[in-house]
Amino acid sequence: IARWPCSQFYQGSPVSLSLDQSSQQKTSPDQSSLSSPDEDKPKNKGDPNKLSLLTWNIDGLDMDDIKERCSKYHPDIVLLQEVISPTYQVLQQVLKPYHVLPGNDKSYFTAILLRKSRVQLLGSSIVNYPNTKMRRNLLVVSFLGQPLCVMTSHMESMKKSTSERQNQLRVLWRTMSEQPQDHNVIFGGDTNLRDWEVNNLGGLPEGICDIWESLGQPQDCRYTWDCITNDNKELPFPARLRFDRLFLRQAGEGSKVSPDGLTLVGLERLECDRFISDHWGLLCTFGKYILSLDLKTGT
């Protein structure tokens, strides 16, 4: 669930773009995510071999201060969860540098946003979860000229939905594994997972890593739903959980992307004295052509 201060997403027809085109200057993940509405002007050239990706549950069900909450972070790819129609309309109106792909048009849903100056859409598809009671699905996007596939999902919520959530996790991992072997596959989303649920399925499948784990389990990025620090929601009990996760299946052949930075975003309060969301966002940077270390052992 997240809050966006608003000025940068748009839905239109696919546009021809490339990761090698000019972009804003990049230094660290949190700095690369911040920019002004004209950030796609060619005067700022970044590293064409770096890719930035943000996943965030934007708390679209909460419409308070929505205009203020929609224009702070501008990575190359944005994976959103808990978007609703009014929020989606705001994204269309104010986030012009992005192409917006919704995962549904009913209830609340996911969306993938592609910065037009950096990536070119090839196609998108939706994988349905057959037994969902909450209209959840998996949104998949592929890119023209780049061996890359990106996915997002908002998996079944609430502790009691553990069985269905594990079924959805199986579908996700299977879908990631089925992508072409020369493609790098990145998933980011609000999984609502507890660690024991992953362990209950035998742990991560061969070839798929949890990016937070592969980067050494940085403790400052551990809890993405932290209701001790974040007071947007009033709960009768303290809760700190790693609901929001990033998974990577590197290409089995050809160029590989490697995660090289991870940070939480949305930690600052807005002028309305609230956080952007009750979830923190996860902003990750990738080296596009660097052969990675062993992602499970860090060696």
C-alpha atoms as a PDB file:
ATOM      1  CA  ILE A   1       0.000   0.000   0.000  1.00  0.00           C
ATOM      2  CA  ALA A   2       1.720   3.334  -0.915  1.00  0.00           C
ATOM      3  CA  ARG A   3       1.240   7.091  -1.223  1.00  0.00           C
ATOM      4  CA  TRP A   4       2.471   8.970  -4.266  1.00  0.00           C
ATOM      5  CA  PRO A   5       3.006  12.740  -4.458  1.00  0.00           C
ATOM      6  CA  CYS A   6       1.755  13.044  -8.156  1.00  0.00           C
ATOM      7  CA  SER A   7       3.364  14.185 -11.428  1.00  0.00           C
ATOM      8  CA  GLN A   8       4.666  11.637 -13.868  1.00  0.00           C
ATOM      9  CA  PHE A   9       2.727   8.700 -15.402  1.00  0.00           C
ATOM     10  CA  TYR A  10       0.752   8.340 -18.662  1.00  0.00           C
ATOM     11  CA  GLN A  11      -0.904   5.671 -20.755  1.00  0.00           C
ATOM     12  CA  GLY A  12      -0.525   5.816 -24.499  1.00  0.00           C
ATOM     13  CA  SER A  13       0.405   3.653 -27.456  1.00  0.00           C
ATOM     14  CA  PRO A  14       3.756   1.796 -27.391  1.00  0.00           C
ATOM     15  CA  VAL A  15       6.713   4.037 -28.168  1.00  0.00           C
ATOM     16  CA  SER A  16      10.054   3.057 -29.699  1.00  0.00           C
ATOM     17  CA  LEU A  17      12.768   3.645 -27.095  1.00  0.00           C
ATOM     18  CA  SER A  18      16.054   2.147 -26.033  1.00  0.00           C
ATOM     19  CA  LEU A  19      18.072   1.661 -22.868  1.00  0.00           C
ATOM     20  CA  ASP A  20      20.965   3.306 -24.726  1.00  0.00           C
ATOM     21  CA  GLN A  21      19.156   6.618 -25.099  1.00  0.00           C
ATOM     22  CA  SER A  22      20.006   9.514 -22.794  1.00  0.00           C
ATOM     23  CA  SER A  23      18.711   9.573 -19.245  1.00  0.00           C
ATOM     24  CA  GLN A  24      19.136  11.358 -15.965  1.00  0.00           C
ATOM     25  CA  GLN A  25      22.472  11.161 -14.170  1.00  0.00           C
ATOM     26  CA  LYS A  26      22.583   8.166 -11.861  1.00  0.00           C
ATOM     27  CA  THR A  27      24.682   7.810  -8.729  1.00  0.00           C
ATOM     28  CA  SER A  28      22.964   5.756  -6.053  1.00  0.00           C
ATOM     29  CA  PRO A  29      19.497   4.120  -6.143  1.00  0.00           C
ATOM     30  CA  ASP A  30      17.764   6.814  -4.099  1.00  0.00           C
ATOM     31  CA  GLN A  31      19.317   9.663  -6.084  1.00  0.00           C
ATOM     32  CA  SER A  32      18.575   8.080  -9.455  1.00  0.00           C
ATOM     33  CA  SER A  33      14.898   7.886  -8.587  1.00  0.00           C
ATOM     34  CA  LEU A  34      14.417  11.619  -8.081  1.00  0.00           C
ATOM     35  CA  SER A  35      13.858  14.036 -10.959  1.00  0.00           C
ATOM     36  CA  SER A  36      11.811  16.921 -12.248  1.00  0.00           C
ATOM     37  CA  PRO A  37       8.945  16.720 -14.772  1.00  0.00           C
ATOM     38  CA  ASP A  38      11.328  17.473 -17.648  1.00  0.00           C
ATOM     39  CA  GLU A  39      13.826  14.833 -16.560  1.00  0.00           C
ATOM     40  CA  ASP A  40      13.883  13.135 -19.945  1.00  0.00           C
ATOM     41  CA  LYS A  41      15.620  16.025 -21.701  1.00  0.00           C
ATOM     42  CA  PRO A  42      18.817  14.786 -23.381  1.00  0.00           C
ATOM     43  CA  LYS A  43      21.122  17.107 -21.416  1.00  0.00           C
ATOM     44  CA  ASN A  44      21.410  14.551 -18.573  1.00  0.00           C
ATOM     45  CA  LYS A  45      23.213  11.402 -19.665  1.00  0.00           C
ATOM     46  CA  GLY A  46      23.410   8.428 -17.358  1.00  0.00           C
ATOM     47  CA  ASP A  47      25.058   5.046 -17.604  1.00  0.00           C
ATOM     48  CA  PRO A  48      23.276   3.120 -20.399  1.00  0.00           C
ATOM     49  CA  ASN A  49      24.304  -0.143 -18.735  1.00  0.00           C
ATOM     50  CA  LYS A  50      22.390   0.629 -15.540  1.00  0.00           C
ATOM     51  CA  LEU A  51      18.709  -0.100 -15.059  1.00  0.00           C
ATOM     52  CA  SER A  52      16.638   1.210 -12.121  1.00  0.00           C
ATOM     53  CA  LEU A  53      13.434  -0.471 -10.970  1.00  0.00           C
ATOM     54  CA  LEU A  54      11.019   0.481  -8.219  1.00  0.00           C
ATOM     55  CA  THR A  55       8.307  -1.751  -6.779  1.00  0.00           C
ATOM     56  CA  TRP A  56       5.703  -0.191  -4.486  1.00  0.00           C
ATOM     57  CA  ASN A  57       2.262  -0.873  -3.104  1.00  0.00           C
ATOM     58  CA  ILE A  58       0.898   2.661  -3.392  1.00  0.00           C
ATOM     59  CA  ASP A  59      -2.111   2.359  -1.084  1.00  0.00           C
ATOM     60  CA  GLY A  60      -4.471   3.424  -3.845  1.00  0.00           C
ATOM     61  CA  LEU A  61      -7.419   2.652  -1.623  1.00  0.00           C
ATOM     62  CA  ASP A  62      -6.470   5.711   0.409  1.00  0.00           C
ATOM     63  CA  MET A  63      -7.283   8.777  -1.705  1.00  0.00           C
ATOM     64  CA  ASP A  64      -6.124  11.370   0.832  1.00  0.00           C
ATOM     65  CA  ASP A  65      -3.631  13.807  -0.717  1.00  0.00           C
ATOM     66  CA  ILE A  66      -3.400  11.676  -3.846  1.00  0.00           C
ATOM     67  CA  LYS A  67      -2.211  14.606  -5.983  1.00  0.00           C
ATOM     68  CA  GLU A  68       0.712  15.174  -3.651  1.00  0.00           C
ATOM     69  CA  ARG A  69       1.635  11.508  -3.655  1.00  0.00           C
ATOM     70  CA  CYS A  70       2.217  10.797  -7.351  1.00  0.00           C
ATOM     71  CA  SER A  71       5.401  12.393  -8.672  1.00  0.00           C
ATOM     72  CA  LYS A  72       8.404  11.844  -6.455  1.00  0.00           C
ATOM     73  CA  TYR A  73      10.230   8.813  -7.822  1.00  0.00           C
ATOM     74  CA  HIS A  74      11.094   8.270 -11.486  1.00  0.00           C
ATOM     75  CA  PRO A  75      13.076   5.079 -12.185  1.00  0.00           C
ATOM     76  CA  ASP A  76      13.233   3.365 -15.574  1.00  0.00           C
ATOM     77  CA  ILE A  77      10.607   0.777 -14.584  1.00  0.00           C
ATOM     78  CA  VAL A  78       7.958   1.111 -11.875  1.00  0.00           C
ATOM     79  CA  LEU A  79       5.892  -1.797 -10.564  1.00  0.00           C
ATOM     80  CA  LEU A  80       2.799  -0.645  -8.698  1.00  0.00           C
ATOM     81  CA  GLN A  81       0.284  -2.521  -6.610  1.00  0.00           C
ATOM     82  CA  GLU A  82      -3.064  -1.418  -5.218  1.00  0.00           C
ATOM     83  CA  VAL A  83      -3.920   1.013  -7.985  1.00  0.00           C
ATOM     84  CA  ILE A  84      -7.594   1.996  -8.317  1.00  0.00           C
ATOM     85  CA  SER A  85      -9.372   3.817 -11.147  1.00  0.00           C
ATOM     86  CA  PRO A  86      -9.156   7.354  -9.659  1.00  0.00           C
ATOM     87  CA  THR A  87      -5.453   6.859  -8.944  1.00  0.00           C
ATOM     88  CA  TYR A  88      -4.936   5.445 -12.431  1.00  0.00           C
ATOM     89  CA  GLN A  89      -6.557   8.529 -13.947  1.00  0.00           C
ATOM     90  CA  VAL A  90      -4.172  10.743 -11.995  1.00  0.00           C
ATOM     91  CA  LEU A  91      -1.226   8.683 -13.224  1.00  0.00           C
ATOM     92  CA  GLN A  92      -2.407   9.093 -16.815  1.00  0.00           C
ATOM     93  CA  GLN A  93      -2.775  12.836 -16.439  1.00  0.00           C
ATOM     94  CA  VAL A  94       0.430  13.786 -14.716  1.00  0.00           C
ATOM     95  CA  LEU A  95       3.109  11.179 -15.378  1.00  0.00           C
ATOM     96  CA  LYS A  96       3.806  12.016 -19.002  1.00  0.00           C
ATOM     97  CA  PRO A  97       7.312  10.501 -19.303  1.00  0.00           C
ATOM     98  CA  TYR A  98       5.853   7.034 -18.662  1.00  0.00           C
ATOM     99  CA  HIS A  99       3.815   4.478 -20.530  1.00  0.00           C
ATOM    100  CA  VAL A 100       1.328   2.885 -18.125  1.00  0.00           C
ATOM    101  CA  LEU A 101       0.111  -0.709 -18.425  1.00  0.00           C
ATOM    102  CA  PRO A 102      -2.684  -1.706 -16.014  1.00  0.00           C
ATOM    103  CA  GLY A 103      -3.171  -5.252 -14.803  1.00  0.00           C
ATOM    104  CA  ASN A 104      -6.953  -4.831 -14.616  1.00  0.00           C
ATOM    105  CA  ASP A 105      -9.640  -2.157 -14.661  1.00  0.00           C
ATOM    106  CA  LYS A 106     -11.801  -3.380 -11.782  1.00  0.00           C
ATOM    107  CA  SER A 107     -11.449  -3.176  -8.016  1.00  0.00           C
ATOM    108  CA  TYR A 108      -7.801  -2.459  -7.226  1.00  0.00           C
ATOM    109  CA  PHE A 109      -5.028  -3.750  -9.426  1.00  0.00           C
ATOM    110  CA  THR A 110      -1.382  -3.620 -10.449  1.00  0.00           C
ATOM    111  CA  ALA A 111       0.332  -1.505 -13.086  1.00  0.00           C
ATOM    112  CA  ILE A 112       3.724  -1.395 -14.763  1.00  0.00           C
ATOM    113  CA  LEU A 113       5.155   1.964 -15.815  1.00  0.00           C
ATOM    114  CA  LEU A 114       7.921   2.251 -18.398  1.00  0.00           C
ATOM    115  CA  ARG A 115       9.978   5.397 -18.802  1.00  0.00           C
ATOM    116  CA  LYS A 116       9.720   6.190 -22.482  1.00  0.00           C
ATOM    117  CA  SER A 117      13.258   7.481 -22.884  1.00  0.00           C
ATOM    118  CA  ARG A 118      14.726   4.250 -21.543  1.00  0.00           C
ATOM    119  CA  VAL A 119      12.752   1.154 -22.503  1.00  0.00           C
ATOM    120  CA  GLN A 120      10.582   0.080 -25.429  1.00  0.00           C
ATOM    121  CA  LEU A 121       7.508  -2.069 -24.898  1.00  0.00           C
ATOM    122  CA  LEU A 122       7.221  -5.244 -26.958  1.00  0.00           C
ATOM    123  CA  GLY A 123       4.128  -6.750 -25.367  1.00  0.00           C
ATOM    124  CA  SER A 124       2.282  -7.524 -22.156  1.00  0.00           C
ATOM    125  CA  SER A 125       0.143 -10.352 -20.850  1.00  0.00           C
ATOM    126  CA  ILE A 126      -1.774 -11.353 -17.744  1.00  0.00           C
ATOM    127  CA  VAL A 127      -1.489 -14.707 -15.993  1.00  0.00           C
ATOM    128  CA  ASN A 128      -4.603 -15.394 -13.955  1.00  0.00           C
ATOM    129  CA  TYR A 129      -4.603 -17.042 -10.555  1.00  0.00           C
ATOM    130  CA  PRO A 130      -7.512 -19.483 -10.961  1.00  0.00           C
ATOM    131  CA  ASN A 131      -8.486 -19.685  -7.287  1.00  0.00           C
ATOM    132  CA  THR A 132      -8.008 -16.100  -6.157  1.00  0.00           C
ATOM    133  CA  LYS A 133     -10.802 -14.616  -4.078  1.00  0.00           C
ATOM    134  CA  MET A 134      -9.371 -11.100  -4.401  1.00  0.00           C
ATOM    135  CA  ARG A 135      -9.040 -10.673  -8.187  1.00  0.00           C
ATOM    136  CA  ARG A 136      -5.263 -11.034  -8.055  1.00  0.00           C
ATOM    137  CA  ASN A 137      -3.131 -11.831 -11.110  1.00  0.00           C
ATOM    138  CA  LEU A 138       0.386 -11.660 -12.538  1.00  0.00           C
ATOM    139  CA  LEU A 139       1.194  -8.865 -15.006  1.00  0.00           C
ATOM    140  CA  VAL A 140       4.052  -9.640 -17.436  1.00  0.00           C
ATOM    141  CA  VAL A 141       5.874  -7.209 -19.749  1.00  0.00           C
ATOM    142  CA  SER A 142       8.544  -7.865 -22.390  1.00  0.00           C
ATOM    143  CA  PHE A 143      10.792  -5.376 -24.140  1.00  0.00           C
ATOM    144  CA  LEU A 144      11.752  -4.760 -27.753  1.00  0.00           C
ATOM    145  CA  GLY A 145      15.432  -5.200 -28.422  1.00  0.00           C
ATOM    146  CA  GLN A 146      16.229  -6.235 -24.858  1.00  0.00           C
ATOM    147  CA  PRO A 147      16.317  -9.816 -23.505  1.00  0.00           C
ATOM    148  CA  LEU A 148      14.322  -8.753 -20.455  1.00  0.00           C
ATOM    149  CA  CYS A 149      10.990  -9.701 -18.918  1.00  0.00           C
ATOM    150  CA  VAL A 150       9.467  -7.898 -15.918  1.00  0.00           C
ATOM    151  CA  MET A 151       6.550  -9.044 -13.754  1.00  0.00           C
ATOM    152  CA  THR A 152       4.489  -7.739 -10.865  1.00  0.00           C
ATOM    153  CA  SER A 153       1.709  -9.059  -8.657  1.00  0.00           C
ATOM    154  CA  HIS A 154      -0.195  -8.299  -5.488  1.00  0.00           C
ATOM    155  CA  MET A 155      -0.615 -11.728  -3.953  1.00  0.00           C
ATOM    156  CA  GLU A 156      -3.517 -12.779  -1.781  1.00  0.00           C
ATOM    157  CA  SER A 157      -3.711 -10.737   1.420  1.00  0.00           C
ATOM    158  CA  MET A 158      -4.222 -11.680   5.070  1.00  0.00           C
ATOM    159  CA  LYS A 159      -2.613 -14.437   7.085  1.00  0.00           C
ATOM    160  CA  LYS A 160      -5.575 -16.781   6.572  1.00  0.00           C
ATOM    161  CA  SER A 161      -4.952 -16.791   2.788  1.00  0.00           C
ATOM    162  CA  THR A 162      -1.668 -18.653   3.149  1.00  0.00           C
ATOM    163  CA  SER A 163      -2.693 -21.661   1.022  1.00  0.00           C
ATOM    164  CA  GLU A 164      -3.786 -19.545  -1.949  1.00  0.00           C
ATOM    165  CA  ARG A 165      -0.770 -17.274  -1.575  1.00  0.00           C
ATOM    166  CA  GLN A 166       1.564 -20.263  -1.805  1.00  0.00           C
ATOM    167  CA  ASN A 167      -0.313 -21.434  -4.911  1.00  0.00           C
ATOM    168  CA  GLN A 168       0.214 -18.009  -6.451  1.00  0.00           C
ATOM    169  CA  LEU A 169       3.901 -18.143  -5.588  1.00  0.00           C
ATOM    170  CA  ARG A 170       4.151 -21.473  -7.422  1.00  0.00           C
ATOM    171  CA  VAL A 171       2.501 -19.892 -10.480  1.00  0.00           C
ATOM    172  CA  LEU A 172       4.943 -16.978 -10.333  1.00  0.00           C
ATOM    173  CA  TRP A 173       8.033 -19.160 -10.086  1.00  0.00           C
ATOM    174  CA  ARG A 174       6.788 -21.418 -12.881  1.00  0.00           C
ATOM    175  CA  THR A 175       6.072 -18.425 -15.125  1.00  0.00           C
ATOM    176  CA  MET A 176       9.525 -16.989 -14.458  1.00  0.00           C
ATOM    177  CA  SER A 177      11.151 -20.332 -15.284  1.00  0.00           C
ATOM    178  CA  GLU A 178       9.180 -20.666 -18.530  1.00  0.00           C
ATOM    179  CA  GLN A 179      10.527 -17.452 -20.054  1.00  0.00           C
ATOM    180  CA  PRO A 180      13.139 -17.773 -22.837  1.00  0.00           C
ATOM    181  CA  GLN A 181      16.490 -18.856 -21.481  1.00  0.00           C
ATOM    182  CA  ASP A 182      18.295 -15.892 -23.015  1.00  0.00           C
ATOM    183  CA  HIS A 183      16.036 -13.491 -21.051  1.00  0.00           C
ATOM    184  CA  ASN A 184      16.654 -11.949 -17.669  1.00  0.00           C
ATOM    185  CA  VAL A 185      13.432 -12.104 -15.647  1.00  0.00           C
ATOM    186  CA  ILE A 186      12.721  -9.688 -12.787  1.00  0.00           C
ATOM    187  CA  PHE A 187       9.715  -9.860 -10.493  1.00  0.00           C
ATOM    188  CA  GLY A 188       8.799  -7.195  -7.982  1.00  0.00           C
ATOM    189  CA  GLY A 189       5.609  -6.905  -5.988  1.00  0.00           C
ATOM    190  CA  ASP A 190       3.671  -7.084  -2.764  1.00  0.00           C
ATOM    191  CA  THR A 191       3.805 -10.806  -2.100  1.00  0.00           C
ATOM    192  CA  ASN A 192       2.305 -10.702   1.414  1.00  0.00           C
ATOM    193  CA  LEU A 193       4.692 -13.592   2.069  1.00  0.00           C
ATOM    194  CA  ARG A 194       5.923 -14.797   5.415  1.00  0.00           C
ATOM    195  CA  ASP A 195       9.333 -16.495   5.332  1.00  0.00           C
ATOM    196  CA  TRP A 196       7.899 -19.779   6.529  1.00  0.00           C
ATOM    197  CA  GLU A 197       5.626 -19.932   3.477  1.00  0.00           C
ATOM    198  CA  VAL A 198       8.654 -19.848   1.165  1.00  0.00           C
ATOM    199  CA  ASN A 199      10.327 -22.530   3.284  1.00  0.00           C
ATOM    200  CA  ASN A 200       7.146 -24.584   3.162  1.00  0.00           C
ATOM    201  CA  LEU A 201       7.543 -24.810  -0.633  1.00  0.00           C
ATOM    202  CA  GLY A 202      11.101 -26.061  -0.280  1.00  0.00           C
ATOM    203  CA  GLY A 203      12.744 -22.667  -0.628  1.00  0.00           C
ATOM    204  CA  LEU A 204      13.574 -20.826  -3.821  1.00  0.00           C
ATOM    205  CA  PRO A 205      13.645 -22.872  -7.031  1.00  0.00           C
ATOM    206  CA  GLU A 206      16.981 -23.464  -8.713  1.00  0.00           C
ATOM    207  CA  GLY A 207      17.933 -20.474 -10.834  1.00  0.00           C
ATOM    208  CA  ILE A 208      15.718 -17.938  -9.023  1.00  0.00           C
ATOM    209  CA  CYS A 209      17.102 -15.693  -6.311  1.00  0.00           C
ATOM    210  CA  ASP A 210      15.614 -13.307  -3.781  1.00  0.00           C
ATOM    211  CA  ILE A 211      17.488 -10.072  -4.524  1.00  0.00           C
ATOM    212  CA  TRP A 212      17.464  -8.890  -0.908  1.00  0.00           C
ATOM    213  CA  GLU A 213      19.099 -12.159   0.129  1.00  0.00           C
ATOM    214  CA  SER A 214      21.582 -12.093  -2.751  1.00  0.00           C
ATOM    215  CA  LEU A 215      22.765  -8.619  -1.705  1.00  0.00           C
ATOM    216  CA  GLY A 216      23.605  -9.843   1.772  1.00  0.00           C
ATOM    217  CA  GLN A 217      20.270  -9.295   3.542  1.00  0.00           C
ATOM    218  CA  PRO A 218      20.798  -5.581   4.313  1.00  0.00           C
ATOM    219  CA  GLN A 219      18.868  -4.923   7.493  1.00  0.00           C
ATOM    220  CA  ASP A 220      17.964  -1.369   6.526  1.00  0.00           C
ATOM    221  CA  CYS A 221      15.935  -2.829   3.619  1.00  0.00           C
ATOM    222  CA  ARG A 222      14.389  -5.747   5.462  1.00  0.00           C
ATOM    223  CA  TYR A 223      10.955  -4.557   6.574  1.00  0.00           C
ATOM    224  CA  THR A 224       8.871  -3.029   3.801  1.00  0.00           C
ATOM    225  CA  TRP A 225       5.647  -3.071   5.849  1.00  0.00           C
ATOM    226  CA  ASP A 226       6.802  -1.499   9.089  1.00  0.00           C
ATOM    227  CA  CYS A 227       3.888  -0.353  11.193  1.00  0.00           C
ATOM    228  CA  ILE A 228       6.199   0.494  14.071  1.00  0.00           C
ATOM    229  CA  THR A 229       7.967   3.273  12.165  1.00  0.00           C
ATOM    230  CA  ASN A 230       5.167   4.022   9.714  1.00  0.00           C
ATOM    231  CA  ASP A 231       2.019   5.336  11.407  1.00  0.00           C
ATOM    232  CA  ASN A 232      -0.214   5.705   8.335  1.00  0.00           C
ATOM    233  CA  LYS A 233      -2.316   2.783   9.548  1.00  0.00           C
ATOM    234  CA  GLU A 234      -3.545   2.436  13.084  1.00  0.00           C
ATOM    235  CA  LEU A 235      -3.135  -1.169  14.151  1.00  0.00           C
ATOM    236  CA  PRO A 236      -3.848  -2.692  17.565  1.00  0.00           C
ATOM    237  CA  PHE A 237      -0.551  -4.606  17.407  1.00  0.00           C
ATOM    238  CA  PRO A 238       3.026  -3.920  16.203  1.00  0.00           C
ATOM    239  CA  ALA A 239       3.905  -5.410  12.807  1.00  0.00           C
ATOM    240  CA  ARG A 240       7.131  -5.492  10.787  1.00  0.00           C
ATOM    241  CA  LEU A 241       7.171  -7.806   7.765  1.00  0.00           C
ATOM    242  CA  ARG A 242       9.010  -8.240   4.457  1.00  0.00           C
ATOM    243  CA  PHE A 243       5.929  -8.315   2.263  1.00  0.00           C
ATOM    244  CA  ASP A 244       7.487  -6.613  -0.761  1.00  0.00           C
ATOM    245  CA  ARG A 245      10.066  -8.731  -2.560  1.00  0.00           C
ATOM    246  CA  LEU A 246      12.185  -8.847  -5.689  1.00  0.00           C
ATOM    247  CA  PHE A 247      13.053 -12.100  -7.459  1.00  0.00           C
ATOM    248  CA  LEU A 248      15.528 -12.519 -10.312  1.00  0.00           C
ATOM    249  CA  ARG A 249      16.098 -15.294 -12.815  1.00  0.00           C
ATOM    250  CA  GLN A 250      19.212 -14.452 -14.760  1.00  0.00           C
ATOM    251  CA  ALA A 251      19.552 -15.364 -18.407  1.00  0.00           C
ATOM    252  CA  GLY A 252      21.047 -18.802 -18.920  1.00  0.00           C
ATOM    253  CA  GLU A 253      22.900 -17.550 -21.958  1.00  0.00           C
ATOM    254  CA  GLY A 254      23.910 -14.165 -23.295  1.00  0.00           C
ATOM    255  CA  SER A 255      24.096 -10.963 -21.243  1.00  0.00           C
ATOM    256  CA  LYS A 256      23.005 -11.013 -17.625  1.00  0.00           C
ATOM    257  CA  VAL A 257      21.668  -8.305 -15.348  1.00  0.00           C
ATOM    258  CA  SER A 258      23.043  -8.175 -11.823  1.00  0.00           C
ATOM    259  CA  PRO A 259      21.558  -6.295  -8.858  1.00  0.00           C
ATOM    260  CA  ASP A 260      24.084  -3.843  -7.459  1.00  0.00           C
ATOM    261  CA  GLY A 261      22.027  -1.609  -5.163  1.00  0.00           C
ATOM    262  CA  LEU A 262      18.872  -1.769  -3.059  1.00  0.00           C
ATOM    263  CA  THR A 263      17.241   0.879  -0.918  1.00  0.00           C
ATOM    264  CA  LEU A 264      13.937   1.671   0.747  1.00  0.00           C
ATOM    265  CA  VAL A 265      12.122   4.764  -0.476  1.00  0.00           C
ATOM    266  CA  GLY A 266       9.210   6.728   0.930  1.00  0.00           C
ATOM    267  CA  LEU A 267      10.736   7.097   4.384  1.00  0.00           C
ATOM    268  CA  GLU A 268      10.201  10.858   4.499  1.00  0.00           C
ATOM    269  CA  ARG A 269       6.937  12.478   5.533  1.00  0.00           C
ATOM    270  CA  LEU A 270       4.950  14.592   3.103  1.00  0.00           C
ATOM    271  CA  GLU A 271       3.675  18.078   3.870  1.00  0.00           C
ATOM    272  CA  CYS A 272       0.430  16.465   4.998  1.00  0.00           C
ATOM    273  CA  ASP A 273       2.527  14.774   7.753  1.00  0.00           C
ATOM    274  CA  ARG A 274       1.890  11.299   6.357  1.00  0.00           C
ATOM    275  CA  PHE A 275       4.177   8.908   4.581  1.00  0.00           C
ATOM    276  CA  ILE A 276       3.728   8.241   0.869  1.00  0.00           C
ATOM    277  CA  SER A 277       2.391   4.799   1.791  1.00  0.00           C
ATOM    278  CA  ASP A 278       2.025   2.383   4.644  1.00  0.00           C
ATOM    279  CA  HIS A 279       4.508   0.289   2.634  1.00  0.00           C
ATOM    280  CA  TRP A 280       8.037   1.429   1.885  1.00  0.00           C
ATOM    281  CA  GLY A 281       9.035   1.098  -1.749  1.00  0.00           C
ATOM    282  CA  LEU A 282      11.987  -1.007  -2.892  1.00  0.00           C
ATOM    283  CA  LEU A 283      14.297   0.669  -5.392  1.00  0.00           C
ATOM    284  CA  CYS A 284      16.862  -1.577  -7.070  1.00  0.00           C
ATOM    285  CA  THR A 285      19.571  -0.864  -9.605  1.00  0.00           C
ATOM    286  CA  PHE A 286      20.995  -3.434 -12.002  1.00  0.00           C
ATOM    287  CA  GLY A 287      24.181  -3.607 -13.994  1.00  0.00           C
ATOM    288  CA  LYS A 288      22.971  -4.573 -17.443  1.00  0.00           C
ATOM    289  CA  TYR A 289      25.931  -6.496 -18.853  1.00  0.00           C
ATOM    290  CA  ILE A 290      27.932  -7.486 -15.798  1.00  0.00           C
ATOM    291  CA  LEU A 291      28.290 -11.205 -15.088  1.00  0.00           C
ATOM    292  CA  SER A 292      27.167 -11.574 -11.482  1.00  0.00           C
ATOM    293  CA  LEU A 293      28.569 -13.427  -8.550  1.00  0.00           C
ATOM    294  CA  ASP A 294      26.739 -16.455  -7.282  1.00  0.00           C
ATOM    295  CA  LEU A 295      23.448 -14.848  -6.257  1.00  0.00           C
ATOM    296  CA  LYS A 296      22.660 -17.316  -3.508  1.00  0.00           C
ATOM    297  CA  THR A 297      26.037 -17.432  -1.827  1.00  0.00           C
ATOM    298  CA  GLY A 298      27.352 -13.948  -2.654  1.00  0.00           C
ATOM    299  CA  THR A 299      30.661 -15.499  -3.836  1.00  0.00           C
END
